[in-house]
Amino acid sequence: MTVFDLREAMEILDHTPFVLEQLLGNLSERWTHNNEGEVTWSPFDILGHLIHGEKTDWIPRTRIILDGDEQTFEPFDRMAQFRESKDKSLNQLLEEFKSLRNTNLALLIEMRIHEDDLQKTGWHPELGQVTLQQLLATWVVHDLGHIRQITRVMAKQYSNEIGPWEKYLPVIHE
């Protein structure tokens, strides 16, 4: 088990826009706009969700914790992407995400977070007291989880076409 290291966490956060751009850039809408069924998200929707998090979640909550005012975080709107991404192209979302992430990583560096800061706390509206370390680690795992989700959604687009190989491809059953 790895111990949290902010520099290493930032490696993943820095790579996520590139990974998504390489995975989704210039693909047909069949790959990017299809989902797994009712009340599920397409890769386009997931990217919109990541953008909303860049605007309203990670950095604002980090600031609240570092300010030490014990303020409860604003609730996160997990469906905001449907409103905010409307009428945008996937390539526009990829550029917006890359720009927001670059800005947020620069802000994170400017905060000069020290080891002691990682144990400072804030209040999540559902989870209660959380540490800065938990928030930052969650940001990394959130990215990785959504990359996994995107690839799963895309793989399932061919679930009826793979025939007997289905038994060797667990991604189809996740």
N, C-alpha and C. Protein backbone atom coordinates (compact mmCIF):
# COMPACT_ATOMS: atom_id res chain seq x y z
N MET A 1 0.84 -1.18 0.00
CA MET A 1 0.00 0.00 0.00
C MET A 1 0.89 1.24 0.00
N THR A 2 0.57 2.17 -0.85
CA THR A 2 1.34 3.39 -0.99
C THR A 2 0.83 4.46 -0.02
N VAL A 3 1.75 5.21 0.53
CA VAL A 3 1.41 6.35 1.38
C VAL A 3 1.19 7.56 0.46
N PHE A 4 0.19 8.38 0.78
CA PHE A 4 -0.13 9.53 -0.05
C PHE A 4 1.07 10.46 -0.18
N ASP A 5 1.33 10.87 -1.40
CA ASP A 5 2.39 11.83 -1.71
C ASP A 5 1.81 12.81 -2.72
N LEU A 6 1.74 14.08 -2.36
CA LEU A 6 1.09 15.08 -3.21
C LEU A 6 1.75 15.17 -4.59
N ARG A 7 3.06 15.12 -4.65
CA ARG A 7 3.74 15.20 -5.96
C ARG A 7 3.32 14.03 -6.84
N GLU A 8 3.26 12.84 -6.27
CA GLU A 8 2.84 11.67 -7.06
C GLU A 8 1.37 11.75 -7.43
N ALA A 9 0.55 12.28 -6.55
CA ALA A 9 -0.87 12.45 -6.86
C ALA A 9 -1.03 13.40 -8.04
N MET A 10 -0.22 14.45 -8.04
CA MET A 10 -0.31 15.43 -9.12
C MET A 10 0.12 14.85 -10.47
N GLU A 11 0.94 13.80 -10.45
CA GLU A 11 1.31 13.14 -11.71
C GLU A 11 0.06 12.62 -12.42
N ILE A 12 -0.80 11.95 -11.67
CA ILE A 12 -2.03 11.42 -12.25
C ILE A 12 -2.93 12.57 -12.69
N LEU A 13 -3.11 13.55 -11.81
CA LEU A 13 -3.97 14.69 -12.14
C LEU A 13 -3.49 15.41 -13.39
N ASP A 14 -2.19 15.51 -13.56
CA ASP A 14 -1.60 16.16 -14.73
C ASP A 14 -1.82 15.34 -16.00
N HIS A 15 -1.80 14.02 -15.88
CA HIS A 15 -1.92 13.16 -17.06
C HIS A 15 -3.36 12.96 -17.53
N THR A 16 -4.32 13.14 -16.65
CA THR A 16 -5.71 12.83 -17.01
C THR A 16 -6.19 13.55 -18.27
N PRO A 17 -5.99 14.86 -18.43
CA PRO A 17 -6.46 15.49 -19.66
C PRO A 17 -5.84 14.88 -20.93
N PHE A 18 -4.56 14.55 -20.86
CA PHE A 18 -3.89 13.93 -22.01
C PHE A 18 -4.49 12.56 -22.30
N VAL A 19 -4.72 11.76 -21.26
CA VAL A 19 -5.31 10.44 -21.44
C VAL A 19 -6.68 10.55 -22.11
N LEU A 20 -7.50 11.47 -21.62
CA LEU A 20 -8.84 11.63 -22.18
C LEU A 20 -8.80 12.15 -23.61
N GLU A 21 -7.88 13.07 -23.87
CA GLU A 21 -7.75 13.60 -25.23
C GLU A 21 -7.34 12.49 -26.20
N GLN A 22 -6.39 11.64 -25.79
CA GLN A 22 -5.95 10.54 -26.64
C GLN A 22 -7.05 9.48 -26.81
N LEU A 23 -7.80 9.25 -25.77
CA LEU A 23 -8.84 8.22 -25.80
C LEU A 23 -10.06 8.67 -26.59
N LEU A 24 -10.46 9.93 -26.44
CA LEU A 24 -11.74 10.38 -26.98
C LEU A 24 -11.66 11.35 -28.15
N GLY A 25 -10.55 12.03 -28.30
CA GLY A 25 -10.45 13.08 -29.32
C GLY A 25 -10.73 12.56 -30.71
N ASN A 26 -11.58 13.27 -31.41
CA ASN A 26 -11.92 13.01 -32.82
C ASN A 26 -12.57 11.65 -33.07
N LEU A 27 -13.20 11.09 -32.06
CA LEU A 27 -13.97 9.86 -32.27
C LEU A 27 -15.38 10.20 -32.73
N SER A 28 -16.03 9.23 -33.36
CA SER A 28 -17.41 9.43 -33.77
C SER A 28 -18.32 9.47 -32.53
N GLU A 29 -19.48 10.05 -32.70
CA GLU A 29 -20.42 10.16 -31.59
C GLU A 29 -20.90 8.80 -31.09
N ARG A 30 -20.82 7.78 -31.90
CA ARG A 30 -21.20 6.44 -31.43
C ARG A 30 -20.36 6.05 -30.21
N TRP A 31 -19.09 6.39 -30.24
CA TRP A 31 -18.20 6.08 -29.12
C TRP A 31 -18.38 7.04 -27.96
N THR A 32 -18.63 8.29 -28.23
CA THR A 32 -18.58 9.30 -27.19
C THR A 32 -19.93 9.69 -26.59
N HIS A 33 -21.03 9.40 -27.30
CA HIS A 33 -22.33 9.85 -26.82
C HIS A 33 -23.27 8.71 -26.41
N ASN A 34 -22.87 7.48 -26.64
CA ASN A 34 -23.69 6.35 -26.19
C ASN A 34 -23.37 6.03 -24.74
N ASN A 35 -24.35 5.48 -24.05
CA ASN A 35 -24.17 5.11 -22.65
C ASN A 35 -24.52 3.64 -22.45
N GLU A 36 -24.69 3.21 -21.22
CA GLU A 36 -24.97 1.82 -20.92
C GLU A 36 -26.46 1.55 -20.71
N GLY A 37 -27.28 2.54 -20.93
CA GLY A 37 -28.72 2.40 -20.73
C GLY A 37 -29.27 3.53 -19.90
N GLU A 38 -30.51 3.38 -19.49
CA GLU A 38 -31.19 4.42 -18.71
C GLU A 38 -30.38 4.83 -17.48
N VAL A 39 -30.41 6.09 -17.19
CA VAL A 39 -29.71 6.71 -16.06
C VAL A 39 -28.23 6.32 -15.95
N THR A 40 -27.57 6.22 -17.08
CA THR A 40 -26.12 6.02 -17.10
C THR A 40 -25.51 7.15 -17.93
N TRP A 41 -24.22 7.28 -17.86
CA TRP A 41 -23.54 8.39 -18.51
C TRP A 41 -22.71 7.91 -19.69
N SER A 42 -22.68 8.73 -20.71
CA SER A 42 -21.80 8.51 -21.86
C SER A 42 -20.42 9.10 -21.54
N PRO A 43 -19.40 8.79 -22.35
CA PRO A 43 -18.11 9.46 -22.16
C PRO A 43 -18.24 10.99 -22.21
N PHE A 44 -19.10 11.50 -23.06
CA PHE A 44 -19.35 12.94 -23.14
C PHE A 44 -19.88 13.47 -21.80
N ASP A 45 -20.83 12.76 -21.22
CA ASP A 45 -21.40 13.16 -19.93
C ASP A 45 -20.35 13.11 -18.82
N ILE A 46 -19.53 12.08 -18.84
CA ILE A 46 -18.49 11.93 -17.81
C ILE A 46 -17.49 13.07 -17.90
N LEU A 47 -17.11 13.43 -19.11
CA LEU A 47 -16.19 14.56 -19.29
C LEU A 47 -16.81 15.85 -18.77
N GLY A 48 -18.09 16.05 -19.03
CA GLY A 48 -18.78 17.22 -18.48
C GLY A 48 -18.79 17.22 -16.96
N HIS A 49 -18.96 16.04 -16.37
CA HIS A 49 -18.93 15.89 -14.92
C HIS A 49 -17.54 16.26 -14.38
N LEU A 50 -16.49 15.81 -15.03
CA LEU A 50 -15.13 16.14 -14.61
C LEU A 50 -14.90 17.66 -14.68
N ILE A 51 -15.43 18.29 -15.70
CA ILE A 51 -15.29 19.75 -15.84
C ILE A 51 -16.00 20.45 -14.68
N HIS A 52 -17.20 20.01 -14.37
CA HIS A 52 -17.94 20.63 -13.26
C HIS A 52 -17.16 20.50 -11.95
N GLY A 53 -16.52 19.35 -11.75
CA GLY A 53 -15.69 19.15 -10.56
C GLY A 53 -14.51 20.10 -10.53
N GLU A 54 -13.91 20.36 -11.67
CA GLU A 54 -12.79 21.30 -11.73
C GLU A 54 -13.23 22.70 -11.34
N LYS A 55 -14.46 23.05 -11.67
CA LYS A 55 -14.97 24.39 -11.38
C LYS A 55 -15.43 24.54 -9.93
N THR A 56 -16.02 23.50 -9.37
CA THR A 56 -16.76 23.68 -8.12
C THR A 56 -16.33 22.80 -6.96
N ASP A 57 -15.46 21.84 -7.19
CA ASP A 57 -15.19 20.86 -6.14
C ASP A 57 -13.79 20.96 -5.56
N TRP A 58 -12.80 20.48 -6.26
CA TRP A 58 -11.48 20.19 -5.70
C TRP A 58 -10.77 21.41 -5.13
N ILE A 59 -10.59 22.43 -5.94
CA ILE A 59 -9.86 23.63 -5.48
C ILE A 59 -10.69 24.44 -4.48
N PRO A 60 -11.97 24.68 -4.75
CA PRO A 60 -12.75 25.41 -3.73
C PRO A 60 -12.74 24.71 -2.36
N ARG A 61 -12.85 23.40 -2.35
CA ARG A 61 -12.85 22.67 -1.08
C ARG A 61 -11.47 22.68 -0.45
N THR A 62 -10.43 22.62 -1.25
CA THR A 62 -9.07 22.73 -0.72
C THR A 62 -8.88 24.07 -0.03
N ARG A 63 -9.36 25.13 -0.66
CA ARG A 63 -9.24 26.47 -0.06
C ARG A 63 -9.99 26.55 1.27
N ILE A 64 -11.19 25.96 1.31
CA ILE A 64 -11.97 25.98 2.55
C ILE A 64 -11.19 25.30 3.67
N ILE A 65 -10.59 24.16 3.36
CA ILE A 65 -9.82 23.44 4.38
C ILE A 65 -8.61 24.27 4.82
N LEU A 66 -7.87 24.80 3.86
CA LEU A 66 -6.66 25.56 4.20
C LEU A 66 -6.98 26.86 4.94
N ASP A 67 -8.13 27.44 4.66
CA ASP A 67 -8.54 28.66 5.37
C ASP A 67 -8.87 28.37 6.83
N GLY A 68 -9.21 27.13 7.12
CA GLY A 68 -9.45 26.72 8.50
C GLY A 68 -10.70 27.29 9.14
N ASP A 69 -11.67 27.68 8.33
CA ASP A 69 -12.86 28.29 8.92
C ASP A 69 -13.98 27.29 9.23
N GLU A 70 -13.68 26.00 9.07
CA GLU A 70 -14.64 24.93 9.41
C GLU A 70 -15.98 25.08 8.71
N GLN A 71 -15.98 25.72 7.57
CA GLN A 71 -17.19 25.89 6.77
C GLN A 71 -17.53 24.56 6.09
N THR A 72 -18.81 24.25 6.00
CA THR A 72 -19.25 23.05 5.29
C THR A 72 -19.15 23.29 3.80
N PHE A 73 -18.65 22.31 3.06
CA PHE A 73 -18.55 22.41 1.60
C PHE A 73 -19.93 22.58 1.00
N GLU A 74 -19.97 23.28 -0.12
CA GLU A 74 -21.21 23.35 -0.90
C GLU A 74 -21.50 21.95 -1.43
N PRO A 75 -22.75 21.53 -1.45
CA PRO A 75 -23.08 20.23 -2.06
C PRO A 75 -22.67 20.23 -3.54
N PHE A 76 -22.23 19.07 -4.01
CA PHE A 76 -21.79 18.94 -5.40
C PHE A 76 -22.96 18.45 -6.25
N ASP A 77 -23.24 19.15 -7.32
CA ASP A 77 -24.32 18.78 -8.24
C ASP A 77 -23.80 17.74 -9.23
N ARG A 78 -24.11 16.49 -9.00
CA ARG A 78 -23.60 15.40 -9.84
C ARG A 78 -24.25 15.33 -11.22
N MET A 79 -25.24 16.16 -11.46
CA MET A 79 -25.92 16.15 -12.76
C MET A 79 -25.75 17.47 -13.52
N ALA A 80 -24.91 18.35 -13.02
CA ALA A 80 -24.74 19.67 -13.64
C ALA A 80 -24.25 19.57 -15.08
N GLN A 81 -23.53 18.52 -15.42
CA GLN A 81 -22.97 18.40 -16.76
C GLN A 81 -24.04 18.39 -17.84
N PHE A 82 -25.22 17.89 -17.53
CA PHE A 82 -26.27 17.84 -18.54
C PHE A 82 -26.73 19.24 -18.93
N ARG A 83 -26.68 20.16 -18.02
CA ARG A 83 -27.04 21.55 -18.26
C ARG A 83 -25.84 22.31 -18.84
N GLU A 84 -24.66 22.11 -18.25
CA GLU A 84 -23.50 22.91 -18.62
C GLU A 84 -22.84 22.50 -19.93
N SER A 85 -22.99 21.25 -20.34
CA SER A 85 -22.34 20.77 -21.57
C SER A 85 -23.24 20.87 -22.79
N LYS A 86 -24.47 21.25 -22.57
CA LYS A 86 -25.43 21.34 -23.66
C LYS A 86 -24.89 22.25 -24.76
N ASP A 87 -25.02 21.81 -26.00
CA ASP A 87 -24.61 22.56 -27.19
C ASP A 87 -23.10 22.69 -27.35
N LYS A 88 -22.32 21.93 -26.60
CA LYS A 88 -20.86 21.93 -26.78
C LYS A 88 -20.45 20.65 -27.49
N SER A 89 -19.34 20.72 -28.18
CA SER A 89 -18.79 19.52 -28.82
C SER A 89 -17.86 18.80 -27.83
N LEU A 90 -17.59 17.56 -28.11
CA LEU A 90 -16.66 16.82 -27.27
C LEU A 90 -15.29 17.47 -27.28
N ASN A 91 -14.84 17.91 -28.45
CA ASN A 91 -13.53 18.55 -28.52
C ASN A 91 -13.49 19.85 -27.72
N GLN A 92 -14.60 20.59 -27.67
CA GLN A 92 -14.66 21.77 -26.82
C GLN A 92 -14.52 21.38 -25.35
N LEU A 93 -15.20 20.29 -24.96
CA LEU A 93 -15.09 19.83 -23.57
C LEU A 93 -13.68 19.39 -23.24
N LEU A 94 -13.03 18.69 -24.16
CA LEU A 94 -11.65 18.26 -23.91
C LEU A 94 -10.74 19.47 -23.69
N GLU A 95 -10.90 20.50 -24.50
CA GLU A 95 -10.07 21.71 -24.34
C GLU A 95 -10.39 22.43 -23.04
N GLU A 96 -11.68 22.51 -22.71
CA GLU A 96 -12.07 23.17 -21.46
C GLU A 96 -11.51 22.42 -20.25
N PHE A 97 -11.61 21.10 -20.29
CA PHE A 97 -11.08 20.30 -19.18
C PHE A 97 -9.58 20.49 -19.03
N LYS A 98 -8.86 20.44 -20.15
CA LYS A 98 -7.40 20.61 -20.10
C LYS A 98 -7.04 21.98 -19.52
N SER A 99 -7.72 23.02 -19.96
CA SER A 99 -7.44 24.37 -19.48
C SER A 99 -7.74 24.49 -17.97
N LEU A 100 -8.90 24.00 -17.55
CA LEU A 100 -9.27 24.08 -16.14
C LEU A 100 -8.31 23.28 -15.27
N ARG A 101 -7.94 22.10 -15.73
CA ARG A 101 -7.04 21.26 -14.94
C ARG A 101 -5.67 21.92 -14.83
N ASN A 102 -5.16 22.47 -15.91
CA ASN A 102 -3.87 23.16 -15.85
C ASN A 102 -3.91 24.32 -14.87
N THR A 103 -4.98 25.08 -14.90
CA THR A 103 -5.16 26.20 -13.97
C THR A 103 -5.21 25.69 -12.54
N ASN A 104 -5.99 24.63 -12.31
CA ASN A 104 -6.14 24.11 -10.95
C ASN A 104 -4.84 23.51 -10.41
N LEU A 105 -4.07 22.87 -11.24
CA LEU A 105 -2.79 22.33 -10.77
C LEU A 105 -1.82 23.48 -10.45
N ALA A 106 -1.86 24.54 -11.25
CA ALA A 106 -1.02 25.71 -10.94
C ALA A 106 -1.45 26.32 -9.61
N LEU A 107 -2.76 26.40 -9.38
CA LEU A 107 -3.25 26.93 -8.10
C LEU A 107 -2.82 26.05 -6.93
N LEU A 108 -2.88 24.74 -7.14
CA LEU A 108 -2.47 23.80 -6.09
C LEU A 108 -1.00 23.99 -5.74
N ILE A 109 -0.16 24.19 -6.75
CA ILE A 109 1.26 24.44 -6.52
C ILE A 109 1.45 25.75 -5.76
N GLU A 110 0.70 26.78 -6.15
CA GLU A 110 0.80 28.08 -5.48
C GLU A 110 0.41 28.01 -4.01
N MET A 111 -0.43 27.07 -3.65
CA MET A 111 -0.88 26.94 -2.26
C MET A 111 0.23 26.45 -1.34
N ARG A 112 1.28 25.88 -1.91
CA ARG A 112 2.44 25.41 -1.14
C ARG A 112 2.00 24.55 0.06
N ILE A 113 1.29 23.52 -0.26
CA ILE A 113 0.76 22.62 0.76
C ILE A 113 1.91 21.84 1.38
N HIS A 114 1.97 21.87 2.71
CA HIS A 114 2.99 21.14 3.46
C HIS A 114 2.36 19.90 4.08
N GLU A 115 3.20 19.01 4.54
CA GLU A 115 2.75 17.76 5.16
C GLU A 115 1.73 18.03 6.28
N ASP A 116 1.96 19.03 7.10
CA ASP A 116 1.04 19.37 8.19
C ASP A 116 -0.33 19.78 7.68
N ASP A 117 -0.37 20.43 6.52
CA ASP A 117 -1.64 20.88 5.95
C ASP A 117 -2.54 19.71 5.58
N LEU A 118 -1.94 18.59 5.24
CA LEU A 118 -2.73 17.44 4.78
C LEU A 118 -3.68 16.91 5.84
N GLN A 119 -3.42 17.20 7.10
CA GLN A 119 -4.30 16.73 8.19
C GLN A 119 -5.34 17.76 8.60
N LYS A 120 -5.32 18.93 7.97
CA LYS A 120 -6.36 19.92 8.24
C LYS A 120 -7.68 19.39 7.73
N THR A 121 -8.77 19.87 8.33
CA THR A 121 -10.07 19.29 8.02
C THR A 121 -11.09 20.31 7.52
N GLY A 122 -12.07 19.77 6.85
CA GLY A 122 -13.24 20.51 6.40
C GLY A 122 -14.45 19.61 6.60
N TRP A 123 -15.61 20.15 6.29
CA TRP A 123 -16.85 19.41 6.52
C TRP A 123 -17.58 19.16 5.21
N HIS A 124 -17.73 17.88 4.90
CA HIS A 124 -18.49 17.46 3.72
C HIS A 124 -19.96 17.37 4.14
N PRO A 125 -20.89 17.83 3.29
CA PRO A 125 -22.30 17.84 3.69
C PRO A 125 -22.89 16.45 3.97
N GLU A 126 -22.33 15.40 3.39
CA GLU A 126 -22.83 14.04 3.62
C GLU A 126 -21.89 13.19 4.47
N LEU A 127 -20.59 13.38 4.29
CA LEU A 127 -19.60 12.50 4.91
C LEU A 127 -19.07 12.99 6.25
N GLY A 128 -19.33 14.24 6.56
CA GLY A 128 -18.81 14.80 7.80
C GLY A 128 -17.39 15.30 7.63
N GLN A 129 -16.62 15.21 8.71
CA GLN A 129 -15.26 15.75 8.72
C GLN A 129 -14.34 14.93 7.82
N VAL A 130 -13.60 15.63 6.96
CA VAL A 130 -12.64 15.00 6.05
C VAL A 130 -11.34 15.80 6.09
N THR A 131 -10.24 15.12 5.79
CA THR A 131 -8.94 15.81 5.77
C THR A 131 -8.61 16.25 4.35
N LEU A 132 -7.68 17.19 4.26
CA LEU A 132 -7.20 17.62 2.95
C LEU A 132 -6.57 16.45 2.21
N GLN A 133 -5.84 15.63 2.92
CA GLN A 133 -5.23 14.46 2.27
C GLN A 133 -6.30 13.57 1.66
N GLN A 134 -7.39 13.33 2.37
CA GLN A 134 -8.47 12.51 1.84
C GLN A 134 -9.09 13.16 0.61
N LEU A 135 -9.29 14.46 0.66
CA LEU A 135 -9.86 15.17 -0.49
C LEU A 135 -8.96 15.04 -1.71
N LEU A 136 -7.66 15.28 -1.54
CA LEU A 136 -6.73 15.23 -2.67
C LEU A 136 -6.56 13.81 -3.20
N ALA A 137 -6.53 12.83 -2.31
CA ALA A 137 -6.46 11.44 -2.75
C ALA A 137 -7.73 11.05 -3.52
N THR A 138 -8.86 11.57 -3.06
CA THR A 138 -10.13 11.29 -3.73
C THR A 138 -10.14 11.88 -5.14
N TRP A 139 -9.54 13.06 -5.30
CA TRP A 139 -9.45 13.68 -6.63
C TRP A 139 -8.75 12.74 -7.60
N VAL A 140 -7.66 12.13 -7.17
CA VAL A 140 -6.90 11.21 -8.01
C VAL A 140 -7.74 9.97 -8.33
N VAL A 141 -8.31 9.37 -7.31
CA VAL A 141 -9.09 8.15 -7.51
C VAL A 141 -10.34 8.44 -8.35
N HIS A 142 -10.91 9.63 -8.17
CA HIS A 142 -12.06 10.06 -8.97
C HIS A 142 -11.69 10.08 -10.46
N ASP A 143 -10.55 10.67 -10.78
CA ASP A 143 -10.07 10.66 -12.17
C ASP A 143 -9.93 9.24 -12.70
N LEU A 144 -9.23 8.42 -11.95
CA LEU A 144 -8.98 7.05 -12.40
C LEU A 144 -10.28 6.26 -12.55
N GLY A 145 -11.20 6.46 -11.63
CA GLY A 145 -12.49 5.77 -11.70
C GLY A 145 -13.28 6.17 -12.94
N HIS A 146 -13.23 7.45 -13.28
CA HIS A 146 -13.98 7.89 -14.46
C HIS A 146 -13.29 7.49 -15.76
N ILE A 147 -11.97 7.39 -15.77
CA ILE A 147 -11.29 6.85 -16.95
C ILE A 147 -11.72 5.40 -17.15
N ARG A 148 -11.76 4.65 -16.06
CA ARG A 148 -12.23 3.26 -16.13
C ARG A 148 -13.67 3.20 -16.61
N GLN A 149 -14.51 4.09 -16.09
CA GLN A 149 -15.91 4.11 -16.48
C GLN A 149 -16.05 4.40 -17.98
N ILE A 150 -15.29 5.35 -18.48
CA ILE A 150 -15.34 5.69 -19.91
C ILE A 150 -14.99 4.47 -20.75
N THR A 151 -13.92 3.78 -20.40
CA THR A 151 -13.51 2.63 -21.21
C THR A 151 -14.53 1.50 -21.11
N ARG A 152 -15.16 1.34 -19.95
CA ARG A 152 -16.20 0.32 -19.80
C ARG A 152 -17.41 0.64 -20.70
N VAL A 153 -17.84 1.89 -20.67
CA VAL A 153 -18.98 2.31 -21.49
C VAL A 153 -18.66 2.09 -22.97
N MET A 154 -17.46 2.43 -23.37
CA MET A 154 -17.07 2.24 -24.77
C MET A 154 -17.00 0.76 -25.13
N ALA A 155 -16.44 -0.06 -24.26
CA ALA A 155 -16.35 -1.50 -24.53
C ALA A 155 -17.73 -2.12 -24.72
N LYS A 156 -18.68 -1.67 -23.93
CA LYS A 156 -20.02 -2.23 -24.00
C LYS A 156 -20.73 -1.90 -25.31
N GLN A 157 -20.22 -0.96 -26.07
CA GLN A 157 -20.83 -0.67 -27.37
C GLN A 157 -20.71 -1.87 -28.31
N TYR A 158 -19.75 -2.74 -28.05
CA TYR A 158 -19.56 -3.95 -28.88
C TYR A 158 -19.92 -5.23 -28.13
N SER A 159 -20.67 -5.12 -27.06
CA SER A 159 -20.96 -6.32 -26.26
C SER A 159 -21.73 -7.38 -27.05
N ASN A 160 -22.55 -6.98 -28.01
CA ASN A 160 -23.29 -7.96 -28.81
C ASN A 160 -22.48 -8.48 -29.99
N GLU A 161 -21.37 -7.85 -30.29
CA GLU A 161 -20.58 -8.22 -31.46
C GLU A 161 -19.42 -9.16 -31.16
N ILE A 162 -19.09 -9.36 -29.91
CA ILE A 162 -17.86 -10.12 -29.60
C ILE A 162 -18.08 -11.63 -29.54
N GLY A 163 -19.32 -12.06 -29.62
CA GLY A 163 -19.61 -13.48 -29.65
C GLY A 163 -19.07 -14.22 -28.43
N PRO A 164 -18.49 -15.41 -28.64
CA PRO A 164 -18.08 -16.25 -27.52
C PRO A 164 -16.92 -15.69 -26.70
N TRP A 165 -16.22 -14.68 -27.22
CA TRP A 165 -15.11 -14.09 -26.44
C TRP A 165 -15.63 -13.33 -25.21
N GLU A 166 -16.92 -13.14 -25.13
CA GLU A 166 -17.52 -12.43 -24.01
C GLU A 166 -17.04 -12.99 -22.67
N LYS A 167 -16.89 -14.31 -22.59
CA LYS A 167 -16.50 -14.92 -21.31
C LYS A 167 -15.08 -14.54 -20.89
N TYR A 168 -14.27 -14.06 -21.82
CA TYR A 168 -12.90 -13.65 -21.49
C TYR A 168 -12.77 -12.15 -21.26
N LEU A 169 -13.88 -11.42 -21.38
CA LEU A 169 -13.83 -9.96 -21.30
C LEU A 169 -14.73 -9.47 -20.19
N PRO A 170 -14.23 -9.47 -18.96
CA PRO A 170 -15.07 -9.09 -17.81
C PRO A 170 -15.58 -7.65 -17.87
N VAL A 171 -14.95 -6.79 -18.65
CA VAL A 171 -15.41 -5.41 -18.74
C VAL A 171 -16.86 -5.34 -19.24
N ILE A 172 -17.26 -6.31 -20.01
CA ILE A 172 -18.63 -6.34 -20.54
C ILE A 172 -19.65 -6.56 -19.43
N HIS A 173 -19.25 -7.20 -18.36
CA HIS A 173 -20.18 -7.56 -17.28
C HIS A 173 -20.10 -6.63 -16.07
N GLU A 174 -19.20 -5.68 -16.09
CA GLU A 174 -19.07 -4.76 -14.94
C GLU A 174 -20.25 -3.81 -14.88
